[in-house]
Protein backbone atom coordinates (compact mmCIF):
# COMPACT_ATOMS: atom_id res chain seq x y z
CA UNK A 1 0.00 0.00 0.00
CA UNK A 2 1.41 3.39 -1.05
CA UNK A 3 1.79 6.06 1.61
CA UNK A 4 0.84 8.90 -0.74
CA UNK A 5 -2.64 9.40 -2.14
CA UNK A 6 -3.62 9.09 -5.79
CA UNK A 7 -4.97 12.65 -5.57
CA UNK A 8 -1.52 14.00 -4.76
CA UNK A 9 -0.08 12.16 -7.76
CA UNK A 10 -2.23 14.32 -10.06
CA UNK A 11 -0.41 17.55 -9.21
CA UNK A 12 3.08 18.97 -9.58
CA UNK A 13 5.04 21.26 -7.26
CA UNK A 14 4.79 24.94 -8.20
CA UNK A 15 7.48 25.67 -10.84
CA UNK A 16 7.73 29.31 -9.76
CA UNK A 17 8.46 28.31 -6.17
CA UNK A 18 10.94 25.66 -7.34
CA UNK A 19 12.87 28.12 -9.53
CA UNK A 20 12.89 30.77 -6.82
CA UNK A 21 14.25 28.16 -4.41
CA UNK A 22 16.97 27.12 -6.88
CA UNK A 23 18.00 30.75 -7.32
CA UNK A 24 18.31 31.16 -3.55
CA UNK A 25 20.47 28.03 -3.32
CA UNK A 26 22.84 29.31 -6.00
CA UNK A 27 23.03 32.72 -4.31
CA UNK A 28 23.84 31.00 -1.00
CA UNK A 29 26.73 29.25 -2.80
CA UNK A 30 28.17 32.63 -3.70
CA UNK A 31 26.85 32.94 -7.27
CA UNK A 32 25.83 36.38 -8.56
CA UNK A 33 22.13 35.64 -9.06
CA UNK A 34 19.31 37.88 -10.25
CA UNK A 35 15.99 36.22 -9.46
CA UNK A 36 13.09 37.47 -11.57
CA UNK A 37 10.84 34.51 -10.79
CA UNK A 38 8.89 35.56 -7.69
CA UNK A 39 5.66 37.49 -8.09
CA UNK A 40 5.62 39.92 -5.19
CA UNK A 41 6.15 43.66 -4.80
CA UNK A 42 9.60 44.62 -3.56
CA UNK A 43 8.22 47.48 -1.45
CA UNK A 44 7.58 47.46 2.29
CA UNK A 45 3.99 47.31 3.45
CA UNK A 46 2.78 50.93 3.93
CA UNK A 47 3.46 52.29 7.41
CA UNK A 48 -0.16 52.87 8.45
CA UNK A 49 -0.93 49.22 7.67
CA UNK A 50 2.08 47.99 9.65
CA UNK A 51 1.03 50.21 12.55
CA UNK A 52 -2.49 48.72 12.43
CA UNK A 53 -0.99 45.25 12.77
CA UNK A 54 1.06 46.33 15.79
CA UNK A 55 -1.98 48.03 17.32
CA UNK A 56 -4.01 44.83 16.88
CA UNK A 57 -1.43 42.94 18.93
CA UNK A 58 -1.40 45.60 21.64
CA UNK A 59 -5.21 45.60 21.74
CA UNK A 60 -5.27 41.85 22.33
CA UNK A 61 -6.63 40.85 18.90
CA UNK A 62 -4.59 37.66 19.02
CA UNK A 63 -7.30 35.04 19.44
CA UNK A 64 -9.47 33.01 17.09
CA UNK A 65 -11.88 34.99 14.97
CA UNK A 66 -14.92 33.99 12.94
CA UNK A 67 -13.82 31.27 10.53
CA UNK A 68 -14.07 33.36 7.37
CA UNK A 69 -13.32 36.85 8.60
CA UNK A 70 -14.07 39.47 11.23
CA UNK A 71 -17.27 41.51 10.70
CA UNK A 72 -15.37 44.80 10.39
CA UNK A 73 -13.24 43.48 7.54
CA UNK A 74 -16.23 41.99 5.74
CA UNK A 75 -17.99 45.34 5.88
CA UNK A 76 -14.88 47.09 4.53
CA UNK A 77 -14.73 44.59 1.67
CA UNK A 78 -18.38 45.29 0.83
CA UNK A 79 -17.55 49.02 0.79
CA UNK A 80 -14.57 48.36 -1.50
CA UNK A 81 -16.68 46.45 -4.03
CA UNK A 82 -19.37 49.14 -3.97
CA UNK A 83 -16.89 52.01 -4.27
CA UNK A 84 -14.51 50.60 -6.85
CA UNK A 85 -16.53 48.08 -8.85
CA UNK A 86 -20.16 49.14 -8.54
CA UNK A 87 -21.06 45.78 -6.97
CA UNK A 88 -23.37 45.50 -3.96
CA UNK A 89 -22.73 42.66 -1.51
CA UNK A 90 -23.72 41.99 2.09
CA UNK A 91 -21.26 40.63 4.67
CA UNK A 92 -22.98 37.22 4.32
CA UNK A 93 -21.72 37.16 0.72
CA UNK A 94 -18.07 37.75 1.71
CA UNK A 95 -15.43 35.21 2.69
CA UNK A 96 -11.89 35.97 3.91
CA UNK A 97 -9.11 33.43 3.58
CA UNK A 98 -5.39 32.92 4.04
CA UNK A 99 -4.46 34.56 0.75
CA UNK A 100 -6.23 34.62 -2.57
CA UNK A 101 -5.01 31.09 -3.29
CA UNK A 102 -7.16 29.70 -0.46
CA UNK A 103 -10.25 31.46 -1.81
CA UNK A 104 -9.75 29.82 -5.21
CA UNK A 105 -8.95 26.45 -3.66
CA UNK A 106 -11.97 26.52 -1.34
CA UNK A 107 -14.31 27.40 -4.21
CA UNK A 108 -13.11 24.55 -6.40
CA UNK A 109 -13.01 22.01 -3.58
CA UNK A 110 -16.52 22.97 -2.48
CA UNK A 111 -18.08 22.70 -5.94
CA UNK A 112 -16.30 20.24 -8.23
CA UNK A 113 -17.33 16.63 -8.74
CA UNK A 114 -15.51 13.99 -10.81
CA UNK A 115 -16.06 14.75 -14.47
CA UNK A 116 -16.73 18.47 -13.99
CA UNK A 117 -14.74 20.62 -16.39
CA UNK A 118 -13.09 23.97 -15.73
CA UNK A 119 -12.15 26.21 -18.64
CA UNK A 120 -8.74 27.84 -18.09
CA UNK A 121 -7.21 30.27 -20.60
CA UNK A 122 -3.48 29.72 -21.16
CA UNK A 123 -1.05 31.17 -20.31
CA UNK A 124 -2.41 30.62 -16.79
CA UNK A 125 -1.19 31.04 -13.24
CA UNK A 126 0.53 27.75 -12.50
CA UNK A 127 -1.79 26.76 -9.63
CA UNK A 128 -5.11 26.84 -11.51
CA UNK A 129 -4.95 23.44 -13.27
CA UNK A 130 -3.49 21.67 -10.25
CA UNK A 131 -6.19 23.03 -7.95
CA UNK A 132 -8.80 21.71 -10.37
CA UNK A 133 -7.11 18.31 -10.43
CA UNK A 134 -6.88 18.18 -6.63
CA UNK A 135 -10.61 18.87 -6.46
CA UNK A 136 -11.33 15.99 -8.85
CA UNK A 137 -12.18 18.15 -11.85
CA UNK A 138 -10.80 18.27 -15.39
CA UNK A 139 -8.93 21.35 -16.64
CA UNK A 140 -9.89 22.40 -20.18
CA UNK A 141 -7.08 24.63 -21.42
CA UNK A 142 -7.79 27.22 -24.12
CA UNK A 143 -4.66 28.78 -25.63
CA UNK A 144 -4.53 32.56 -25.95
CA UNK A 145 -1.75 33.28 -28.42
CA UNK A 146 0.58 36.27 -28.34
CA UNK A 147 -0.76 37.60 -31.64
CA UNK A 148 -4.20 37.82 -30.01
CA UNK A 149 -2.89 39.82 -27.07
CA UNK A 150 -2.86 36.71 -24.85
CA UNK A 151 -6.67 36.95 -24.65
CA UNK A 152 -9.14 34.23 -25.61
CA UNK A 153 -11.90 35.15 -28.02
CA UNK A 154 -15.64 34.66 -27.48
CA UNK A 155 -15.51 31.99 -30.19
CA UNK A 156 -12.80 30.07 -28.33
CA UNK A 157 -14.79 30.24 -25.10
CA UNK A 158 -17.96 29.08 -26.85
CA UNK A 159 -16.12 26.11 -28.37
CA UNK A 160 -14.65 25.08 -25.00
CA UNK A 161 -17.96 24.96 -23.11
CA UNK A 162 -19.68 21.57 -22.84
CA UNK A 163 -22.54 20.25 -20.69
CA UNK A 164 -19.83 19.23 -18.18
CA UNK A 165 -18.40 22.74 -17.77
CA UNK A 166 -18.73 23.98 -14.18
CA UNK A 167 -16.41 27.02 -14.08
CA UNK A 168 -14.49 29.48 -16.21
CA UNK A 169 -11.40 30.85 -14.42
CA UNK A 170 -10.54 34.33 -15.63
CA UNK A 171 -7.51 36.37 -14.52
CA UNK A 172 -7.29 39.99 -15.71
CA UNK A 173 -4.74 41.52 -15.65
CA UNK A 174 -3.02 38.19 -16.00
CA UNK A 175 -0.21 36.35 -14.35
CA UNK A 176 1.98 35.57 -16.35
CA UNK A 177 1.33 37.88 -19.31
CA UNK A 178 0.01 41.13 -17.84
CA UNK A 179 -2.72 41.01 -20.49
CA UNK A 180 -6.10 42.46 -19.55
CA UNK A 181 -9.66 42.34 -20.86
CA UNK A 182 -11.07 45.82 -21.37
CA UNK A 183 -14.82 46.38 -21.26
CA UNK A 184 -15.42 45.43 -24.89
CA UNK A 185 -13.33 42.26 -24.66
CA UNK A 186 -14.96 41.30 -21.36
CA UNK A 187 -18.41 41.94 -22.82
CA UNK A 188 -17.63 39.46 -25.60
CA UNK A 189 -16.97 36.74 -23.00
CA UNK A 190 -19.89 37.61 -20.74
CA UNK A 191 -22.28 37.48 -23.72
CA UNK A 192 -21.16 33.88 -24.28
CA UNK A 193 -21.56 33.04 -20.60
CA UNK A 194 -25.10 34.40 -20.55
CA UNK A 195 -25.98 31.78 -23.16
CA UNK A 196 -24.71 29.01 -20.86
CA UNK A 197 -26.43 29.39 -17.47
CA UNK A 198 -24.78 26.25 -16.04
CA UNK A 199 -21.29 27.82 -16.21
CA UNK A 200 -19.99 29.69 -13.16
CA UNK A 201 -17.29 32.37 -13.27
CA UNK A 202 -14.29 32.42 -10.95
CA UNK A 203 -12.55 35.73 -11.53
CA UNK A 204 -9.10 36.39 -10.09
CA UNK A 205 -8.82 40.19 -9.76
CA UNK A 206 -5.70 40.27 -7.58
CA UNK A 207 -3.90 42.70 -9.96
CA UNK A 208 -6.87 45.06 -10.25
CA UNK A 209 -4.97 48.19 -9.22
CA UNK A 210 -1.83 47.48 -11.24
CA UNK A 211 -3.01 48.69 -14.65
CA UNK A 212 -1.18 51.01 -17.03
CA UNK A 213 -1.65 53.69 -19.65
CA UNK A 214 -5.33 54.11 -20.51
CA UNK A 215 -6.39 50.54 -19.63
CA UNK A 216 -9.48 50.50 -17.40
CA UNK A 217 -10.05 47.49 -15.18
CA UNK A 218 -13.44 45.76 -15.22
CA UNK A 219 -14.67 42.56 -13.59
CA UNK A 220 -17.26 40.20 -15.15
CA UNK A 221 -20.17 40.80 -12.73
CA UNK A 222 -19.66 44.55 -13.18
CA UNK A 223 -19.91 44.29 -16.98
CA UNK A 224 -22.82 41.84 -16.93
CA UNK A 225 -24.99 42.04 -13.77
CA UNK A 226 -26.84 38.94 -14.93
CA UNK A 227 -23.74 36.90 -14.05
CA UNK A 228 -23.48 38.12 -10.45
CA UNK A 229 -25.40 35.20 -8.93
CA UNK A 230 -23.01 32.69 -10.48
CA UNK A 231 -19.75 34.57 -10.07
CA UNK A 232 -17.12 34.38 -7.34
CA UNK A 233 -15.09 37.59 -7.46
CA UNK A 234 -11.73 37.01 -5.77
CA UNK A 235 -9.33 39.75 -4.71
CA UNK A 236 -6.89 40.48 -1.90
CA UNK A 237 -4.39 42.87 -0.38
CA UNK A 238 -1.15 41.12 -1.33
CA UNK A 239 -0.28 42.87 -4.61
CA UNK A 240 -2.10 46.20 -4.24
CA UNK A 241 -0.68 46.95 -0.77
CA UNK A 242 2.60 44.95 -0.72
CA UNK A 243 1.15 42.52 1.83
CA UNK A 244 2.15 39.13 0.36
CA UNK A 245 3.38 37.75 3.69
CA UNK A 246 0.29 38.88 5.61
CA UNK A 247 -1.75 36.23 3.71
CA UNK A 248 -5.18 37.82 3.30
CA UNK A 249 -7.45 37.21 0.32
CA UNK A 250 -11.18 37.57 -0.02
CA UNK A 251 -14.06 36.64 -2.26
CA UNK A 252 -17.63 37.75 -2.91
CA UNK A 253 -20.40 35.55 -4.26
CA UNK A 254 -23.78 33.94 -3.66
CA UNK A 255 -24.55 33.06 -0.03
CA UNK A 256 -24.84 29.32 -0.75
CA UNK A 257 -21.33 29.21 -2.20
CA UNK A 258 -19.85 31.41 0.54
CA UNK A 259 -21.35 29.16 3.22
CA UNK A 260 -19.95 26.05 1.53
CA UNK A 261 -16.49 27.60 1.35
CA UNK A 262 -16.71 28.58 5.02
CA UNK A 263 -17.66 25.03 5.93
CA UNK A 264 -14.58 23.73 4.15
CA UNK A 265 -12.34 26.34 5.74
CA UNK A 266 -13.67 25.45 9.20
CA UNK A 267 -12.21 21.98 8.77
CA UNK A 268 -8.88 23.06 7.22
CA UNK A 269 -7.16 26.26 8.33
CA UNK A 270 -10.00 27.89 10.25
CA UNK A 271 -9.67 31.68 10.46
CA UNK A 272 -6.98 33.79 8.75
CA UNK A 273 -4.51 35.39 11.15
CA UNK A 274 -6.34 37.85 13.37
CA UNK A 275 -3.55 40.42 13.23
CA UNK A 276 -3.43 40.32 9.44
CA UNK A 277 -7.17 40.86 9.24
CA UNK A 278 -6.91 44.12 11.19
CA UNK A 279 -4.00 45.19 8.98
CA UNK A 280 -6.10 44.42 5.87
CA UNK A 281 -8.91 46.50 7.36
CA UNK A 282 -6.50 49.45 7.58
CA UNK A 283 -5.40 48.84 4.00
CA UNK A 284 -8.94 49.00 2.64
CA UNK A 285 -10.16 51.87 4.82
CA UNK A 286 -7.01 53.98 5.07
CA UNK A 287 -5.11 56.27 2.66
CA UNK A 288 -4.75 54.90 -0.86
CA UNK A 289 -1.68 56.93 -1.88
CA UNK A 290 0.53 53.84 -2.03
CA UNK A 291 -1.65 52.24 -4.72
CA UNK A 292 -1.05 55.03 -7.22
CA UNK A 293 2.60 55.50 -6.25
CA UNK A 294 3.44 51.83 -6.76
CA UNK A 295 1.43 51.68 -9.98
CA UNK A 296 3.54 54.47 -11.46
CA UNK A 297 6.77 52.72 -10.43
CA UNK A 298 5.66 49.44 -11.98
CA UNK A 299 4.68 51.17 -15.22
CA UNK A 300 8.15 52.70 -15.48
CA UNK A 301 9.73 49.32 -14.83
CA UNK A 302 7.47 47.70 -17.42
CA UNK A 303 8.64 50.16 -20.05
CA UNK A 304 12.28 49.58 -19.12
CA UNK A 305 12.00 45.79 -19.36
CA UNK A 306 9.98 45.70 -22.58
CA UNK A 307 12.50 48.02 -24.26
CA UNK A 308 15.45 46.03 -22.92
CA UNK A 309 14.13 42.63 -23.96
CA UNK A 310 13.15 43.77 -27.43
CA UNK A 311 16.84 44.65 -27.97
CA UNK A 312 17.72 40.97 -27.44
CA UNK A 313 18.18 39.08 -30.73
CA UNK A 314 15.39 36.51 -31.18
CA UNK A 315 13.15 37.77 -28.34
CA UNK A 316 9.79 39.43 -28.97
CA UNK A 317 8.22 41.07 -25.91
CA UNK A 318 4.68 42.53 -26.11
CA UNK A 319 3.57 45.46 -23.95
CA UNK A 320 1.40 44.30 -20.99
CA UNK A 321 -1.67 46.21 -19.77
CA UNK A 322 -1.09 45.45 -16.10
CA UNK A 323 0.33 43.29 -13.27
CA UNK A 324 4.15 43.18 -13.03
CA UNK A 325 5.12 40.51 -15.54
CA UNK A 326 6.21 40.27 -19.14
CA UNK A 327 5.85 37.10 -21.21
CA UNK A 328 8.18 37.31 -24.22
CA UNK A 329 8.43 34.79 -27.04
CA UNK A 330 11.67 32.94 -27.84
CA UNK A 331 10.30 31.15 -30.91
CA UNK A 332 13.23 32.38 -33.03
CA UNK A 333 15.78 30.97 -30.55
CA UNK A 334 14.60 27.36 -30.60
CA UNK A 335 17.26 25.06 -32.04
CA UNK A 336 20.18 27.37 -31.34
CA UNK A 337 23.10 26.54 -29.04
CA UNK A 338 24.28 28.67 -26.12
CA UNK A 339 27.86 29.76 -25.51
CA UNK A 340 27.96 27.14 -22.76
CA UNK A 341 26.96 24.37 -25.16
CA UNK A 342 23.25 23.96 -24.29
CA UNK A 343 20.91 23.34 -27.21
CA UNK A 344 17.77 25.48 -26.78
CA UNK A 345 15.25 22.72 -27.47
CA UNK A 346 12.42 24.47 -25.63
CA UNK A 347 11.74 27.27 -23.17
CA UNK A 348 12.76 25.14 -20.18
CA UNK A 349 16.18 24.57 -21.75
CA UNK A 350 16.42 28.32 -22.38
CA UNK A 351 15.61 29.17 -18.74
CA UNK A 352 18.04 26.54 -17.42
CA UNK A 353 20.91 27.71 -19.61
CA UNK A 354 20.16 31.35 -18.81
CA UNK A 355 20.39 30.66 -15.07
CA UNK A 356 23.51 28.50 -15.35
CA UNK A 357 25.40 30.81 -17.71
CA UNK A 358 24.27 34.30 -16.65
CA UNK A 359 22.75 33.93 -13.19
CA UNK A 360 19.35 35.28 -14.28
CA UNK A 361 16.40 33.22 -13.00
CA UNK A 362 13.20 33.33 -15.06
CA UNK A 363 10.24 30.94 -15.30
CA UNK A 364 9.88 28.90 -18.49
CA UNK A 365 6.64 29.18 -20.44
CA UNK A 366 5.60 25.53 -20.30
CA UNK A 367 4.89 26.04 -16.59
CA UNK A 368 2.11 28.43 -17.63
CA UNK A 369 0.73 26.28 -20.42
CA UNK A 370 2.03 28.15 -23.47
CA UNK A 371 5.44 27.77 -25.13
CA UNK A 372 7.97 28.88 -26.28
CA UNK A 373 7.95 31.81 -23.87
CA UNK A 374 9.32 32.80 -20.47
CA UNK A 375 8.07 34.99 -17.65
CA UNK A 376 9.90 37.81 -15.94
CA UNK A 377 8.63 39.53 -12.82
CA UNK A 378 9.78 43.14 -12.85
CA UNK A 379 8.97 43.67 -9.17
CA UNK A 380 12.53 44.74 -8.41
CA UNK A 381 14.72 47.81 -8.83
CA UNK A 382 15.51 49.57 -12.11
CA UNK A 383 19.20 48.83 -11.60
CA UNK A 384 18.63 45.10 -11.19
CA UNK A 385 16.28 45.00 -14.17
CA UNK A 386 18.78 46.85 -16.37
CA UNK A 387 21.53 44.42 -15.35
CA UNK A 388 19.24 41.43 -16.02
CA UNK A 389 18.24 42.69 -19.48
CA UNK A 390 21.91 43.27 -20.35
CA UNK A 391 22.79 39.71 -19.28
CA UNK A 392 19.89 38.27 -21.30
CA UNK A 393 20.95 40.31 -24.36
CA UNK A 394 24.53 39.04 -24.13
CA UNK A 395 23.24 35.48 -23.70
CA UNK A 396 21.10 35.81 -26.84
CA UNK A 397 23.95 37.38 -28.78
CA UNK A 398 26.07 34.33 -27.92
CA UNK A 399 23.58 31.82 -29.36
CA UNK A 400 24.56 30.15 -32.63
């Protein structure tokens, strides 16, 4: 009898975490490593949020809370949705979890049965398909090519939906591409969904505030109110407020779904950290200066990286609408050989050789379901990004 379950055998470790770990190991050995694999802001959490966390400790808010969030935070989340997205929810329609990942996981675990299908546009965040598999469902991957702006079309969505489809997972702006669906593009998808009332929508809005130029963020239930009763809108404080380690995510949806997710959470992690909940409350209710300040910094970094990568022979890097990632193509580099003797057979070979020969850690495209590409997170300083782009350019110039 095997110790490990068959369910566990369906999933893989997170490639982004694995590559970040490998970069740390090499750095610990004394190598000059630039890690562009982790997706988290490099800024400190804003001071008023940190102070709220300290005040929560001093006030004795260090005990168990309600399983899926304190009432004050749920009310603040309702206010956020009303203020920023034009969506009205009651606290009974809100759930708070240990990061956005738990919200997604709880929703899929609470709703999927064997044979249920989940439509996932690719490139996708690496955890989506594996969460579906852990919950017993079947991922149905729809490729969004670079020439289409890394967005799926209404026709592609229509073709992917079957009687077995339970969910569509939509992430805009996207990890790993930074691509976003504006109102017209989102309307095209919501029109399809309105023709298929058995399909639910799980929208990952975690990069909502990190949008650039004239791109305007919209979420599905905002564009099509008829979808609200079968949509779980997920968001959180990690990216918008540099609070990745605080581990607070939240979701809004129909009461029946929220109750089911709370039931699951009561038998897994129970409540999110009490201190982090009070810090998240301060983030949502307090000054919002940081959001705009960080957005402007990330836009400048985006421009720097896109320009730098497009100077690399054989790399084509589109301009993202949001988040803090780029997802360039290396199609013209496949089959070449690096200065160190590695044949670039695919994007994983490219990323491995790049790390070994230049010390730059990126995530290969196959991890996100679309090759031959790689992902860079530009959530680091201009100086580091300039150095990384220079190393990548020299690496590409050395390919034969």
